């Protein structure tokens, strides 16, 4: 999951304001003070559910990188693996 700069800024701002509220009121920042409200939780839940399971753009980027770094064909690798398994079984 990738978090945008805007989302990060919102979280930092939320955390900063919750700390200020606790400090201004002279109370310790226990779980009741630091917990976000339900609207924020629902907003975050909605945004997380909207994210795709798989980012096709990243998959293509990684596949392209692998193809550049490993120019050996998959068939050749499979052939060597099978040959090695047979060789090991014969010993």
Protein backbone atom coordinates (compact mmCIF):
# COMPACT_ATOMS: atom_id res chain seq x y z
CA UNK A 1 0.00 0.00 0.00
CA UNK A 2 1.31 3.42 -0.89
CA UNK A 3 0.40 6.36 1.31
CA UNK A 4 0.29 9.71 -0.45
CA UNK A 5 2.07 12.77 0.89
CA UNK A 6 -1.32 14.36 1.52
CA UNK A 7 -2.47 11.39 3.62
CA UNK A 8 0.76 11.48 5.60
CA UNK A 9 0.34 15.20 6.22
CA UNK A 10 -3.22 14.64 7.44
CA UNK A 11 -2.12 11.96 9.89
CA UNK A 12 0.72 14.10 11.23
CA UNK A 13 -1.64 17.06 11.64
CA UNK A 14 -4.19 14.87 13.41
CA UNK A 15 -1.59 13.52 15.79
CA UNK A 16 -0.23 17.00 16.46
CA UNK A 17 -3.66 18.46 17.22
CA UNK A 18 -4.64 15.54 19.46
CA UNK A 19 -1.44 16.05 21.47
CA UNK A 20 -2.18 19.77 21.74
CA UNK A 21 -5.74 19.10 22.93
CA UNK A 22 -4.45 16.79 25.62
CA UNK A 23 -1.77 19.27 26.70
CA UNK A 24 -4.15 22.25 26.68
CA UNK A 25 -6.65 20.46 28.86
CA UNK A 26 -3.95 19.40 31.32
CA UNK A 27 -4.69 15.72 30.94
CA UNK A 28 -2.49 12.85 29.96
CA UNK A 29 -2.76 11.48 26.45
CA UNK A 30 -4.30 8.16 27.27
CA UNK A 31 -6.23 6.06 24.79
CA UNK A 32 -9.43 8.03 25.24
CA UNK A 33 -7.75 11.28 24.22
CA UNK A 34 -5.63 9.91 21.37
CA UNK A 35 -8.37 7.86 19.70
CA UNK A 36 -9.62 9.31 16.42
CA UNK A 37 -13.30 10.00 16.01
CA UNK A 38 -15.53 7.56 14.16
CA UNK A 39 -15.85 9.80 11.09
CA UNK A 40 -12.09 9.68 10.54
CA UNK A 41 -12.04 5.92 11.05
CA UNK A 42 -14.83 5.47 8.51
CA UNK A 43 -13.06 7.76 6.04
CA UNK A 44 -9.82 5.78 6.39
CA UNK A 45 -11.67 2.48 6.12
CA UNK A 46 -13.35 3.65 2.92
CA UNK A 47 -10.08 4.77 1.39
CA UNK A 48 -8.40 1.48 2.27
CA UNK A 49 -11.25 -0.56 0.80
CA UNK A 50 -11.04 1.47 -2.42
CA UNK A 51 -7.39 0.51 -2.96
CA UNK A 52 -6.82 -2.19 -5.56
CA UNK A 53 -5.69 -5.64 -4.43
CA UNK A 54 -2.93 -5.59 -7.00
CA UNK A 55 -1.30 -2.56 -8.59
CA UNK A 56 -0.94 -3.54 -12.24
CA UNK A 57 1.45 -0.65 -12.92
CA UNK A 58 3.86 -1.88 -10.22
CA UNK A 59 3.60 -5.48 -11.44
CA UNK A 60 4.52 -4.40 -14.97
CA UNK A 61 7.39 -2.28 -13.65
CA UNK A 62 8.81 -5.19 -11.64
CA UNK A 63 8.39 -7.62 -14.54
CA UNK A 64 10.24 -5.24 -16.84
CA UNK A 65 13.07 -4.92 -14.31
CA UNK A 66 13.32 -8.68 -13.94
CA UNK A 67 13.42 -9.18 -17.69
CA UNK A 68 16.22 -6.63 -18.00
CA UNK A 69 18.27 -8.14 -15.17
CA UNK A 70 17.56 -11.82 -15.95
CA UNK A 71 17.54 -12.30 -19.73
CA UNK A 72 17.43 -16.12 -19.39
CA UNK A 73 14.27 -17.66 -20.77
CA UNK A 74 11.92 -19.35 -18.32
CA UNK A 75 12.02 -22.55 -20.40
CA UNK A 76 15.80 -22.76 -19.99
CA UNK A 77 15.51 -22.33 -16.23
CA UNK A 78 12.77 -24.98 -16.02
CA UNK A 79 14.87 -27.38 -18.13
CA UNK A 80 17.89 -26.96 -15.81
CA UNK A 81 15.72 -27.45 -12.70
CA UNK A 82 14.22 -30.67 -14.05
CA UNK A 83 17.64 -31.93 -15.16
CA UNK A 84 19.06 -31.19 -11.71
CA UNK A 85 16.18 -33.01 -10.00
CA UNK A 86 16.68 -36.08 -12.19
CA UNK A 87 20.42 -35.97 -11.61
CA UNK A 88 19.98 -35.72 -7.85
CA UNK A 89 17.48 -38.61 -7.85
CA UNK A 90 19.91 -40.89 -9.73
CA UNK A 91 22.74 -40.38 -7.26
